[in-house]
């Protein structure tokens, strides 16, 4: 029996590509006789994405669900919103730009079945990005693997079993990283190589600074490694300072130091001061996230939901995680 499939697509500046993406997915559903649904989550896109999504919904009201967020919360937060509305036995996440071919979905499903994995990533053979974007993506992957001590190569093109999705949907905090949550909840993760196409329209919303911010979020939300590095560095600096101090003391007692060294004092002050500021900055990142989570900064807030399917309890996890469900008839032009 073919499992039901939910496909979650976060949308930001992807309006021109969305119709082609939806058409390819519908063709996949029909060709493989799959009971499937597409969940578009408009992450407060500044273009005409929401109007285009409404048009797609009006043409396929039974197989398309549309969610509009009140502001831009980021890709991973938007995906969490879509996951809570998904009803399929298998949930697949894809980008809105057409770089993840729907033709590769059967290979993800086949890998899930053959390997018994909870998650299968579709890792691009060759990334169709600019060199600096590929470099940034490579750095984020390496940060992710280092922080979570894993060899998994994360990708936005992933297929997940419903059980693991239900597990990660319990996470209520604002600073969300889907792949980190998956690593926390299961070790049955596999990956396959897939085709990676050029964008159908527009340009990537991930700048180099956003990629670095994503890497920082992985470190500070899912790992104590930066704090551990700061602790080890501080210990080494203190040990080195103690040994240097003992060395100078011995030399002074032996009469080999007549005039105190100005340069060595300045170097020691600057090095130790820099290490202290670095450590304080790392600690500040952790404290800031704790502060925002304690103040219950929302993971996302929903403005409108267009769907013929009644809400489930899974949509109500966490404060401010639900929105206004539009009347089905009102969604049609």
C-alpha atoms as a PDB file:
ATOM      1  CA  UNK A   1       0.000   0.000   0.000  1.00  0.00           C
ATOM      2  CA  UNK A   2       1.367   3.402  -1.011  1.00  0.00           C
ATOM      3  CA  UNK A   3       1.641   5.729   2.019  1.00  0.00           C
ATOM      4  CA  UNK A   4      -0.041   9.123   2.058  1.00  0.00           C
ATOM      5  CA  UNK A   5       2.352  12.005   1.521  1.00  0.00           C
ATOM      6  CA  UNK A   6       2.378  15.600   2.757  1.00  0.00           C
ATOM      7  CA  UNK A   7       4.716  18.063   1.069  1.00  0.00           C
ATOM      8  CA  UNK A   8       5.575  21.200   3.048  1.00  0.00           C
ATOM      9  CA  UNK A   9       6.916  24.182   1.106  1.00  0.00           C
ATOM     10  CA  UNK A  10       7.944  27.400   2.892  1.00  0.00           C
ATOM     11  CA  UNK A  11       7.540  30.357   0.561  1.00  0.00           C
ATOM     12  CA  UNK A  12       9.560  33.575   0.510  1.00  0.00           C
ATOM     13  CA  UNK A  13      10.019  35.537  -2.718  1.00  0.00           C
ATOM     14  CA  UNK A  14       9.158  32.397  -4.661  1.00  0.00           C
ATOM     15  CA  UNK A  15       5.884  33.441  -6.258  1.00  0.00           C
ATOM     16  CA  UNK A  16       6.927  33.082  -9.898  1.00  0.00           C
ATOM     17  CA  UNK A  17       8.246  29.537  -9.409  1.00  0.00           C
ATOM     18  CA  UNK A  18       5.415  28.186  -7.234  1.00  0.00           C
ATOM     19  CA  UNK A  19       2.958  27.265 -10.068  1.00  0.00           C
ATOM     20  CA  UNK A  20       5.580  25.085 -11.788  1.00  0.00           C
ATOM     21  CA  UNK A  21       6.538  23.450  -8.481  1.00  0.00           C
ATOM     22  CA  UNK A  22       2.886  22.707  -7.659  1.00  0.00           C
ATOM     23  CA  UNK A  23       2.241  21.351 -11.158  1.00  0.00           C
ATOM     24  CA  UNK A  24       5.200  18.957 -10.918  1.00  0.00           C
ATOM     25  CA  UNK A  25       4.061  17.668  -7.515  1.00  0.00           C
ATOM     26  CA  UNK A  26       0.469  17.130  -8.729  1.00  0.00           C
ATOM     27  CA  UNK A  27       1.821  15.171 -11.674  1.00  0.00           C
ATOM     28  CA  UNK A  28       3.807  12.998  -9.251  1.00  0.00           C
ATOM     29  CA  UNK A  29       0.686  12.363  -7.127  1.00  0.00           C
ATOM     30  CA  UNK A  30      -1.343  11.345 -10.195  1.00  0.00           C
ATOM     31  CA  UNK A  31       1.363   9.203 -11.787  1.00  0.00           C
ATOM     32  CA  UNK A  32       1.993   7.151  -8.640  1.00  0.00           C
ATOM     33  CA  UNK A  33      -1.653   7.194  -7.464  1.00  0.00           C
ATOM     34  CA  UNK A  34      -0.656   8.763  -4.164  1.00  0.00           C
ATOM     35  CA  UNK A  35      -3.020  10.327  -1.681  1.00  0.00           C
ATOM     36  CA  UNK A  36      -1.118  13.543  -1.171  1.00  0.00           C
ATOM     37  CA  UNK A  37      -1.360  17.139  -0.095  1.00  0.00           C
ATOM     38  CA  UNK A  38       0.741  20.261  -0.555  1.00  0.00           C
ATOM     39  CA  UNK A  39       1.073  22.727   2.318  1.00  0.00           C
ATOM     40  CA  UNK A  40       2.309  26.162   1.293  1.00  0.00           C
ATOM     41  CA  UNK A  41       3.489  28.380   4.158  1.00  0.00           C
ATOM     42  CA  UNK A  42       3.838  32.016   3.096  1.00  0.00           C
ATOM     43  CA  UNK A  43       6.553  33.431   5.368  1.00  0.00           C
ATOM     44  CA  UNK A  44       5.286  37.007   4.907  1.00  0.00           C
ATOM     45  CA  UNK A  45       6.779  37.190   1.435  1.00  0.00           C
ATOM     46  CA  UNK A  46       6.931  40.779   0.094  1.00  0.00           C
ATOM     47  CA  UNK A  47       6.072  39.754  -3.486  1.00  0.00           C
ATOM     48  CA  UNK A  48       2.796  38.362  -4.874  1.00  0.00           C
ATOM     49  CA  UNK A  49       3.379  34.886  -3.436  1.00  0.00           C
ATOM     50  CA  UNK A  50       0.230  34.816  -1.302  1.00  0.00           C
ATOM     51  CA  UNK A  51      -2.027  35.802  -4.204  1.00  0.00           C
ATOM     52  CA  UNK A  52      -0.435  33.098  -6.360  1.00  0.00           C
ATOM     53  CA  UNK A  53      -0.832  30.517  -3.577  1.00  0.00           C
ATOM     54  CA  UNK A  54      -4.506  31.469  -3.236  1.00  0.00           C
ATOM     55  CA  UNK A  55      -4.959  30.850  -6.946  1.00  0.00           C
ATOM     56  CA  UNK A  56      -3.357  27.406  -6.702  1.00  0.00           C
ATOM     57  CA  UNK A  57      -5.559  26.599  -3.691  1.00  0.00           C
ATOM     58  CA  UNK A  58      -8.730  27.651  -5.528  1.00  0.00           C
ATOM     59  CA  UNK A  59      -7.889  25.218  -8.336  1.00  0.00           C
ATOM     60  CA  UNK A  60      -7.010  22.328  -5.981  1.00  0.00           C
ATOM     61  CA  UNK A  61      -8.927  22.948  -2.733  1.00  0.00           C
ATOM     62  CA  UNK A  62      -8.795  19.302  -1.646  1.00  0.00           C
ATOM     63  CA  UNK A  63      -5.076  18.758  -2.148  1.00  0.00           C
ATOM     64  CA  UNK A  64      -3.595  22.167  -1.358  1.00  0.00           C
ATOM     65  CA  UNK A  65      -3.537  23.992   1.977  1.00  0.00           C
ATOM     66  CA  UNK A  66      -2.321  27.562   2.289  1.00  0.00           C
ATOM     67  CA  UNK A  67      -0.999  29.237   5.437  1.00  0.00           C
ATOM     68  CA  UNK A  68       0.025  32.881   5.730  1.00  0.00           C
ATOM     69  CA  UNK A  69       2.241  33.983   8.613  1.00  0.00           C
ATOM     70  CA  UNK A  70       1.938  37.450  10.147  1.00  0.00           C
ATOM     71  CA  UNK A  71       5.621  38.307   9.678  1.00  0.00           C
ATOM     72  CA  UNK A  72       8.823  36.759   8.414  1.00  0.00           C
ATOM     73  CA  UNK A  73       9.944  34.127  10.935  1.00  0.00           C
ATOM     74  CA  UNK A  74      12.526  32.312   8.817  1.00  0.00           C
ATOM     75  CA  UNK A  75      12.582  29.122   6.787  1.00  0.00           C
ATOM     76  CA  UNK A  76      12.821  26.627   9.643  1.00  0.00           C
ATOM     77  CA  UNK A  77      10.050  28.262  11.680  1.00  0.00           C
ATOM     78  CA  UNK A  78       7.787  28.287   8.628  1.00  0.00           C
ATOM     79  CA  UNK A  79       8.525  24.599   8.069  1.00  0.00           C
ATOM     80  CA  UNK A  80       7.552  23.845  11.686  1.00  0.00           C
ATOM     81  CA  UNK A  81       4.216  25.510  11.011  1.00  0.00           C
ATOM     82  CA  UNK A  82       3.676  23.346   7.930  1.00  0.00           C
ATOM     83  CA  UNK A  83       4.709  20.159   9.724  1.00  0.00           C
ATOM     84  CA  UNK A  84       2.050  20.707  12.388  1.00  0.00           C
ATOM     85  CA  UNK A  85      -0.600  20.860   9.677  1.00  0.00           C
ATOM     86  CA  UNK A  86       0.661  17.820   7.751  1.00  0.00           C
ATOM     87  CA  UNK A  87      -1.466  14.674   7.848  1.00  0.00           C
ATOM     88  CA  UNK A  88       0.500  12.283   5.645  1.00  0.00           C
ATOM     89  CA  UNK A  89       2.324   9.165   6.804  1.00  0.00           C
ATOM     90  CA  UNK A  90       5.411  10.573   5.054  1.00  0.00           C
ATOM     91  CA  UNK A  91       6.212  14.290   5.197  1.00  0.00           C
ATOM     92  CA  UNK A  92       8.534  15.836   2.620  1.00  0.00           C
ATOM     93  CA  UNK A  93       9.989  19.345   2.725  1.00  0.00           C
ATOM     94  CA  UNK A  94      11.018  21.191  -0.440  1.00  0.00           C
ATOM     95  CA  UNK A  95      12.123  24.665  -1.452  1.00  0.00           C
ATOM     96  CA  UNK A  96       9.843  27.017  -3.352  1.00  0.00           C
ATOM     97  CA  UNK A  97      12.311  27.836  -6.149  1.00  0.00           C
ATOM     98  CA  UNK A  98      12.100  24.630  -8.197  1.00  0.00           C
ATOM     99  CA  UNK A  99      15.627  23.462  -7.390  1.00  0.00           C
ATOM    100  CA  UNK A 100      14.259  20.273  -5.806  1.00  0.00           C
ATOM    101  CA  UNK A 101      12.766  18.207  -8.668  1.00  0.00           C
ATOM    102  CA  UNK A 102       9.484  16.415  -7.845  1.00  0.00           C
ATOM    103  CA  UNK A 103      10.801  13.554 -10.024  1.00  0.00           C
ATOM    104  CA  UNK A 104      13.264  12.732  -7.235  1.00  0.00           C
ATOM    105  CA  UNK A 105      10.527  12.219  -4.620  1.00  0.00           C
ATOM    106  CA  UNK A 106       9.991   8.515  -5.503  1.00  0.00           C
ATOM    107  CA  UNK A 107      13.696   7.889  -4.800  1.00  0.00           C
ATOM    108  CA  UNK A 108      13.336   9.441  -1.339  1.00  0.00           C
ATOM    109  CA  UNK A 109      10.304   7.255  -0.610  1.00  0.00           C
ATOM    110  CA  UNK A 110      12.124   4.174  -1.894  1.00  0.00           C
ATOM    111  CA  UNK A 111      15.124   4.942   0.326  1.00  0.00           C
ATOM    112  CA  UNK A 112      12.855   5.302   3.368  1.00  0.00           C
ATOM    113  CA  UNK A 113      11.364   1.881   2.673  1.00  0.00           C
ATOM    114  CA  UNK A 114      14.623   0.066   1.887  1.00  0.00           C
ATOM    115  CA  UNK A 115      16.768   1.487   4.697  1.00  0.00           C
ATOM    116  CA  UNK A 116      14.105   1.624   7.403  1.00  0.00           C
ATOM    117  CA  UNK A 117      15.301   5.153   8.173  1.00  0.00           C
ATOM    118  CA  UNK A 118      13.179   7.782   9.880  1.00  0.00           C
ATOM    119  CA  UNK A 119      14.692  10.543   7.732  1.00  0.00           C
ATOM    120  CA  UNK A 120      16.208  10.533   4.246  1.00  0.00           C
ATOM    121  CA  UNK A 121      17.992  13.618   2.916  1.00  0.00           C
ATOM    122  CA  UNK A 122      18.210  14.415  -0.785  1.00  0.00           C
ATOM    123  CA  UNK A 123      21.779  15.744  -1.045  1.00  0.00           C
ATOM    124  CA  UNK A 124      22.568  17.644  -4.284  1.00  0.00           C
ATOM    125  CA  UNK A 125      25.142  16.092  -6.598  1.00  0.00           C
ATOM    126  CA  UNK A 126      26.147  19.530  -7.821  1.00  0.00           C
ATOM    127  CA  UNK A 127      24.726  22.682  -6.310  1.00  0.00           C
ATOM    128  CA  UNK A 128      23.360  25.204  -8.821  1.00  0.00           C
ATOM    129  CA  UNK A 129      24.464  28.247  -6.829  1.00  0.00           C
ATOM    130  CA  UNK A 130      27.114  30.935  -7.119  1.00  0.00           C
ATOM    131  CA  UNK A 131      30.542  29.934  -5.776  1.00  0.00           C
ATOM    132  CA  UNK A 132      30.215  32.091  -2.654  1.00  0.00           C
ATOM    133  CA  UNK A 133      26.794  30.569  -1.926  1.00  0.00           C
ATOM    134  CA  UNK A 134      28.216  27.056  -2.297  1.00  0.00           C
ATOM    135  CA  UNK A 135      31.082  28.028   0.008  1.00  0.00           C
ATOM    136  CA  UNK A 136      28.639  29.358   2.605  1.00  0.00           C
ATOM    137  CA  UNK A 137      26.495  26.215   2.374  1.00  0.00           C
ATOM    138  CA  UNK A 138      29.601  24.046   2.793  1.00  0.00           C
ATOM    139  CA  UNK A 139      30.612  26.030   5.895  1.00  0.00           C
ATOM    140  CA  UNK A 140      27.133  25.683   7.425  1.00  0.00           C
ATOM    141  CA  UNK A 141      27.189  21.912   6.824  1.00  0.00           C
ATOM    142  CA  UNK A 142      30.601  21.598   8.468  1.00  0.00           C
ATOM    143  CA  UNK A 143      29.463  23.721  11.431  1.00  0.00           C
ATOM    144  CA  UNK A 144      26.380  21.499  11.740  1.00  0.00           C
ATOM    145  CA  UNK A 145      28.406  18.279  11.652  1.00  0.00           C
ATOM    146  CA  UNK A 146      30.924  19.627  14.159  1.00  0.00           C
ATOM    147  CA  UNK A 147      28.329  20.996  16.578  1.00  0.00           C
ATOM    148  CA  UNK A 148      26.160  17.866  16.598  1.00  0.00           C
ATOM    149  CA  UNK A 149      29.000  15.366  16.154  1.00  0.00           C
ATOM    150  CA  UNK A 150      27.420  13.724  13.130  1.00  0.00           C
ATOM    151  CA  UNK A 151      28.312  12.807   9.566  1.00  0.00           C
ATOM    152  CA  UNK A 152      24.832  13.606   8.283  1.00  0.00           C
ATOM    153  CA  UNK A 153      24.719  16.117   5.418  1.00  0.00           C
ATOM    154  CA  UNK A 154      21.582  18.230   6.011  1.00  0.00           C
ATOM    155  CA  UNK A 155      19.432  19.394   3.124  1.00  0.00           C
ATOM    156  CA  UNK A 156      16.132  21.254   2.754  1.00  0.00           C
ATOM    157  CA  UNK A 157      14.951  18.340   0.557  1.00  0.00           C
ATOM    158  CA  UNK A 158      14.056  15.662   3.114  1.00  0.00           C
ATOM    159  CA  UNK A 159      11.535  12.873   3.619  1.00  0.00           C
ATOM    160  CA  UNK A 160      10.460  12.038   7.181  1.00  0.00           C
ATOM    161  CA  UNK A 161       8.218   9.473   8.801  1.00  0.00           C
ATOM    162  CA  UNK A 162       5.278  10.832  10.719  1.00  0.00           C
ATOM    163  CA  UNK A 163       6.577   9.514  14.064  1.00  0.00           C
ATOM    164  CA  UNK A 164       9.739  11.626  13.974  1.00  0.00           C
ATOM    165  CA  UNK A 165       7.806  14.672  12.748  1.00  0.00           C
ATOM    166  CA  UNK A 166       5.434  14.376  15.693  1.00  0.00           C
ATOM    167  CA  UNK A 167       8.457  14.210  17.988  1.00  0.00           C
ATOM    168  CA  UNK A 168      10.109  17.408  16.688  1.00  0.00           C
ATOM    169  CA  UNK A 169       6.793  19.285  16.605  1.00  0.00           C
ATOM    170  CA  UNK A 170       6.803  19.271  20.420  1.00  0.00           C
ATOM    171  CA  UNK A 171       9.638  21.834  20.311  1.00  0.00           C
ATOM    172  CA  UNK A 172       7.968  25.204  21.093  1.00  0.00           C
ATOM    173  CA  UNK A 173      10.855  27.701  21.060  1.00  0.00           C
ATOM    174  CA  UNK A 174      11.585  30.462  18.576  1.00  0.00           C
ATOM    175  CA  UNK A 175      15.156  29.537  17.631  1.00  0.00           C
ATOM    176  CA  UNK A 176      14.393  26.486  15.524  1.00  0.00           C
ATOM    177  CA  UNK A 177      16.617  24.337  13.334  1.00  0.00           C
ATOM    178  CA  UNK A 178      14.837  21.345  11.814  1.00  0.00           C
ATOM    179  CA  UNK A 179      17.939  19.253  11.201  1.00  0.00           C
ATOM    180  CA  UNK A 180      19.198  19.742  14.757  1.00  0.00           C
ATOM    181  CA  UNK A 181      15.843  18.585  16.105  1.00  0.00           C
ATOM    182  CA  UNK A 182      15.942  15.518  13.849  1.00  0.00           C
ATOM    183  CA  UNK A 183      19.431  14.596  15.094  1.00  0.00           C
ATOM    184  CA  UNK A 184      18.178  14.980  18.670  1.00  0.00           C
ATOM    185  CA  UNK A 185      15.283  12.590  18.084  1.00  0.00           C
ATOM    186  CA  UNK A 186      16.603   9.778  15.880  1.00  0.00           C
ATOM    187  CA  UNK A 187      19.769   8.066  14.732  1.00  0.00           C
ATOM    188  CA  UNK A 188      18.075   6.398  11.758  1.00  0.00           C
ATOM    189  CA  UNK A 189      19.033   8.993   9.171  1.00  0.00           C
ATOM    190  CA  UNK A 190      20.089   8.237   5.616  1.00  0.00           C
ATOM    191  CA  UNK A 191      20.902  10.273   2.522  1.00  0.00           C
ATOM    192  CA  UNK A 192      20.920   9.878  -1.250  1.00  0.00           C
ATOM    193  CA  UNK A 193      22.245  12.033  -4.051  1.00  0.00           C
ATOM    194  CA  UNK A 194      19.641  13.920  -6.071  1.00  0.00           C
ATOM    195  CA  UNK A 195      19.566  16.345  -8.960  1.00  0.00           C
ATOM    196  CA  UNK A 196      19.762  20.041  -8.074  1.00  0.00           C
ATOM    197  CA  UNK A 197      18.301  22.329 -10.707  1.00  0.00           C
ATOM    198  CA  UNK A 198      18.843  26.058 -11.284  1.00  0.00           C
ATOM    199  CA  UNK A 199      16.247  28.368  -9.752  1.00  0.00           C
ATOM    200  CA  UNK A 200      13.143  28.847 -11.880  1.00  0.00           C
ATOM    201  CA  UNK A 201      12.915  32.511 -10.888  1.00  0.00           C
ATOM    202  CA  UNK A 202      14.345  35.124  -8.537  1.00  0.00           C
ATOM    203  CA  UNK A 203      17.411  34.754  -6.369  1.00  0.00           C
ATOM    204  CA  UNK A 204      18.221  33.078  -3.074  1.00  0.00           C
ATOM    205  CA  UNK A 205      17.150  34.917   0.085  1.00  0.00           C
ATOM    206  CA  UNK A 206      20.131  33.395   1.927  1.00  0.00           C
ATOM    207  CA  UNK A 207      22.953  35.924   1.917  1.00  0.00           C
ATOM    208  CA  UNK A 208      26.385  35.069   3.298  1.00  0.00           C
ATOM    209  CA  UNK A 209      25.533  36.841   6.569  1.00  0.00           C
ATOM    210  CA  UNK A 210      22.307  34.814   6.911  1.00  0.00           C
ATOM    211  CA  UNK A 211      24.222  31.595   6.344  1.00  0.00           C
ATOM    212  CA  UNK A 212      26.679  32.553   9.069  1.00  0.00           C
ATOM    213  CA  UNK A 213      23.762  33.422  11.372  1.00  0.00           C
ATOM    214  CA  UNK A 214      22.253  30.000  10.652  1.00  0.00           C
ATOM    215  CA  UNK A 215      25.559  28.356  11.583  1.00  0.00           C
ATOM    216  CA  UNK A 216      25.664  30.393  14.809  1.00  0.00           C
ATOM    217  CA  UNK A 217      22.102  29.319  15.642  1.00  0.00           C
ATOM    218  CA  UNK A 218      23.087  25.670  15.205  1.00  0.00           C
ATOM    219  CA  UNK A 219      25.984  26.108  17.616  1.00  0.00           C
ATOM    220  CA  UNK A 220      24.166  28.081  20.301  1.00  0.00           C
ATOM    221  CA  UNK A 221      20.873  26.157  20.215  1.00  0.00           C
ATOM    222  CA  UNK A 222      21.972  22.570  19.779  1.00  0.00           C
ATOM    223  CA  UNK A 223      25.486  22.357  21.153  1.00  0.00           C
ATOM    224  CA  UNK A 224      27.635  23.356  24.133  1.00  0.00           C
ATOM    225  CA  UNK A 225      30.735  23.203  21.944  1.00  0.00           C
ATOM    226  CA  UNK A 226      31.396  27.001  21.882  1.00  0.00           C
ATOM    227  CA  UNK A 227      31.223  27.138  25.686  1.00  0.00           C
ATOM    228  CA  UNK A 228      33.476  24.116  25.921  1.00  0.00           C
ATOM    229  CA  UNK A 229      35.963  25.708  23.522  1.00  0.00           C
ATOM    230  CA  UNK A 230      35.895  28.921  25.571  1.00  0.00           C
ATOM    231  CA  UNK A 231      36.484  26.924  28.755  1.00  0.00           C
ATOM    232  CA  UNK A 232      39.402  24.961  27.278  1.00  0.00           C
ATOM    233  CA  UNK A 233      40.909  28.124  25.769  1.00  0.00           C
ATOM    234  CA  UNK A 234      40.600  29.909  29.106  1.00  0.00           C
ATOM    235  CA  UNK A 235      42.206  26.990  30.897  1.00  0.00           C
ATOM    236  CA  UNK A 236      45.100  26.885  28.423  1.00  0.00           C
ATOM    237  CA  UNK A 237      45.574  30.655  28.652  1.00  0.00           C
ATOM    238  CA  UNK A 238      45.567  30.508  32.469  1.00  0.00           C
ATOM    239  CA  UNK A 239      47.991  27.574  32.499  1.00  0.00           C
ATOM    240  CA  UNK A 240      50.273  29.325  30.026  1.00  0.00           C
ATOM    241  CA  UNK A 241      50.152  32.520  32.076  1.00  0.00           C
ATOM    242  CA  UNK A 242      50.999  30.616  35.249  1.00  0.00           C
ATOM    243  CA  UNK A 243      53.966  28.878  33.621  1.00  0.00           C
ATOM    244  CA  UNK A 244      55.189  32.153  32.137  1.00  0.00           C
ATOM    245  CA  UNK A 245      54.840  33.841  35.519  1.00  0.00           C
ATOM    246  CA  UNK A 246      56.840  31.099  37.238  1.00  0.00           C
ATOM    247  CA  UNK A 247      59.502  31.350  34.530  1.00  0.00           C
ATOM    248  CA  UNK A 248      59.888  35.098  35.016  1.00  0.00           C
ATOM    249  CA  UNK A 249      59.953  34.619  38.795  1.00  0.00           C
ATOM    250  CA  UNK A 250      62.772  32.110  38.555  1.00  0.00           C
ATOM    251  CA  UNK A 251      64.718  34.362  36.153  1.00  0.00           C
ATOM    252  CA  UNK A 252      64.190  37.336  38.459  1.00  0.00           C
ATOM    253  CA  UNK A 253      65.466  35.395  41.486  1.00  0.00           C
ATOM    254  CA  UNK A 254      68.507  34.363  39.464  1.00  0.00           C
ATOM    255  CA  UNK A 255      69.187  38.004  38.660  1.00  0.00           C
ATOM    256  CA  UNK A 256      68.713  37.620  34.906  1.00  0.00           C
ATOM    257  CA  UNK A 257      65.885  40.189  34.695  1.00  0.00           C
ATOM    258  CA  UNK A 258      66.902  43.732  35.570  1.00  0.00           C
ATOM    259  CA  UNK A 259      64.297  45.901  33.803  1.00  0.00           C
ATOM    260  CA  UNK A 260      60.675  44.666  33.605  1.00  0.00           C
ATOM    261  CA  UNK A 261      59.539  44.047  30.007  1.00  0.00           C
ATOM    262  CA  UNK A 262      56.931  46.470  28.730  1.00  0.00           C
ATOM    263  CA  UNK A 263      56.204  44.512  25.542  1.00  0.00           C
ATOM    264  CA  UNK A 264      55.506  41.230  27.295  1.00  0.00           C
ATOM    265  CA  UNK A 265      53.080  42.979  29.652  1.00  0.00           C
ATOM    266  CA  UNK A 266      51.138  44.615  26.801  1.00  0.00           C
ATOM    267  CA  UNK A 267      50.961  41.374  24.810  1.00  0.00           C
ATOM    268  CA  UNK A 268      49.717  39.435  27.838  1.00  0.00           C
ATOM    269  CA  UNK A 269      47.042  42.058  28.593  1.00  0.00           C
ATOM    270  CA  UNK A 270      45.790  42.190  25.007  1.00  0.00           C
ATOM    271  CA  UNK A 271      45.694  38.410  24.555  1.00  0.00           C
ATOM    272  CA  UNK A 272      43.972  37.703  27.865  1.00  0.00           C
ATOM    273  CA  UNK A 273      41.596  40.627  27.396  1.00  0.00           C
ATOM    274  CA  UNK A 274      40.613  39.377  23.944  1.00  0.00           C
ATOM    275  CA  UNK A 275      39.995  35.875  25.270  1.00  0.00           C
ATOM    276  CA  UNK A 276      37.807  37.275  28.041  1.00  0.00           C
ATOM    277  CA  UNK A 277      35.727  39.357  25.627  1.00  0.00           C
ATOM    278  CA  UNK A 278      35.351  36.391  23.276  1.00  0.00           C
ATOM    279  CA  UNK A 279      34.189  34.164  26.132  1.00  0.00           C
ATOM    280  CA  UNK A 280      31.743  36.826  27.340  1.00  0.00           C
ATOM    281  CA  UNK A 281      30.342  37.157  23.826  1.00  0.00           C
ATOM    282  CA  UNK A 282      29.745  33.416  23.538  1.00  0.00           C
ATOM    283  CA  UNK A 283      28.091  33.311  26.955  1.00  0.00           C
ATOM    284  CA  UNK A 284      26.009  36.341  25.957  1.00  0.00           C
ATOM    285  CA  UNK A 285      24.643  34.510  22.908  1.00  0.00           C
ATOM    286  CA  UNK A 286      23.428  31.670  25.118  1.00  0.00           C
ATOM    287  CA  UNK A 287      21.994  33.999  27.764  1.00  0.00           C
ATOM    288  CA  UNK A 288      20.205  36.051  25.104  1.00  0.00           C
ATOM    289  CA  UNK A 289      18.495  32.989  23.678  1.00  0.00           C
ATOM    290  CA  UNK A 290      17.478  31.828  27.140  1.00  0.00           C
ATOM    291  CA  UNK A 291      16.034  35.304  27.786  1.00  0.00           C
ATOM    292  CA  UNK A 292      14.002  35.321  24.564  1.00  0.00           C
ATOM    293  CA  UNK A 293      12.733  31.781  25.139  1.00  0.00           C
ATOM    294  CA  UNK A 294      11.683  32.619  28.707  1.00  0.00           C
ATOM    295  CA  UNK A 295       9.791  35.626  27.346  1.00  0.00           C
ATOM    296  CA  UNK A 296       8.021  33.178  24.986  1.00  0.00           C
ATOM    297  CA  UNK A 297       8.997  34.820  21.715  1.00  0.00           C
ATOM    298  CA  UNK A 298       6.653  33.061  19.284  1.00  0.00           C
ATOM    299  CA  UNK A 299       7.945  30.391  16.967  1.00  0.00           C
ATOM    300  CA  UNK A 300       5.475  31.758  14.427  1.00  0.00           C
ATOM    301  CA  UNK A 301       2.040  33.368  14.300  1.00  0.00           C
ATOM    302  CA  UNK A 302      -0.544  32.545  11.644  1.00  0.00           C
ATOM    303  CA  UNK A 303      -2.695  35.149   9.947  1.00  0.00           C
ATOM    304  CA  UNK A 304      -4.823  32.970   7.644  1.00  0.00           C
ATOM    305  CA  UNK A 305      -5.303  29.300   6.859  1.00  0.00           C
ATOM    306  CA  UNK A 306      -7.035  28.163   3.681  1.00  0.00           C
ATOM    307  CA  UNK A 307      -8.026  24.528   3.987  1.00  0.00           C
ATOM    308  CA  UNK A 308     -11.049  22.282   3.602  1.00  0.00           C
ATOM    309  CA  UNK A 309      -9.683  19.978   6.304  1.00  0.00           C
ATOM    310  CA  UNK A 310     -10.723  20.695   9.915  1.00  0.00           C
ATOM    311  CA  UNK A 311      -7.913  21.573  12.358  1.00  0.00           C
ATOM    312  CA  UNK A 312      -6.271  18.891  14.480  1.00  0.00           C
ATOM    313  CA  UNK A 313      -4.696  18.995  17.913  1.00  0.00           C
ATOM    314  CA  UNK A 314      -1.260  18.960  16.309  1.00  0.00           C
ATOM    315  CA  UNK A 315      -1.873  22.461  14.976  1.00  0.00           C
ATOM    316  CA  UNK A 316      -2.354  23.792  18.492  1.00  0.00           C
ATOM    317  CA  UNK A 317       1.059  22.899  19.932  1.00  0.00           C
ATOM    318  CA  UNK A 318       2.665  25.930  21.575  1.00  0.00           C
ATOM    319  CA  UNK A 319       1.319  29.391  22.227  1.00  0.00           C
ATOM    320  CA  UNK A 320       0.507  31.566  19.195  1.00  0.00           C
ATOM    321  CA  UNK A 321       0.880  28.569  16.894  1.00  0.00           C
ATOM    322  CA  UNK A 322      -2.676  28.746  15.567  1.00  0.00           C
ATOM    323  CA  UNK A 323      -4.381  31.270  13.374  1.00  0.00           C
ATOM    324  CA  UNK A 324      -7.675  32.106  11.695  1.00  0.00           C
ATOM    325  CA  UNK A 325      -8.985  29.280   9.509  1.00  0.00           C
ATOM    326  CA  UNK A 326     -10.781  30.868   6.597  1.00  0.00           C
ATOM    327  CA  UNK A 327     -14.181  29.585   5.566  1.00  0.00           C
ATOM    328  CA  UNK A 328     -13.655  27.287   2.556  1.00  0.00           C
ATOM    329  CA  UNK A 329     -16.069  29.234   0.373  1.00  0.00           C
ATOM    330  CA  UNK A 330     -14.365  32.518   1.182  1.00  0.00           C
ATOM    331  CA  UNK A 331     -11.122  31.229  -0.233  1.00  0.00           C
ATOM    332  CA  UNK A 332     -12.486  30.972  -3.775  1.00  0.00           C
ATOM    333  CA  UNK A 333     -12.393  34.067  -5.995  1.00  0.00           C
END
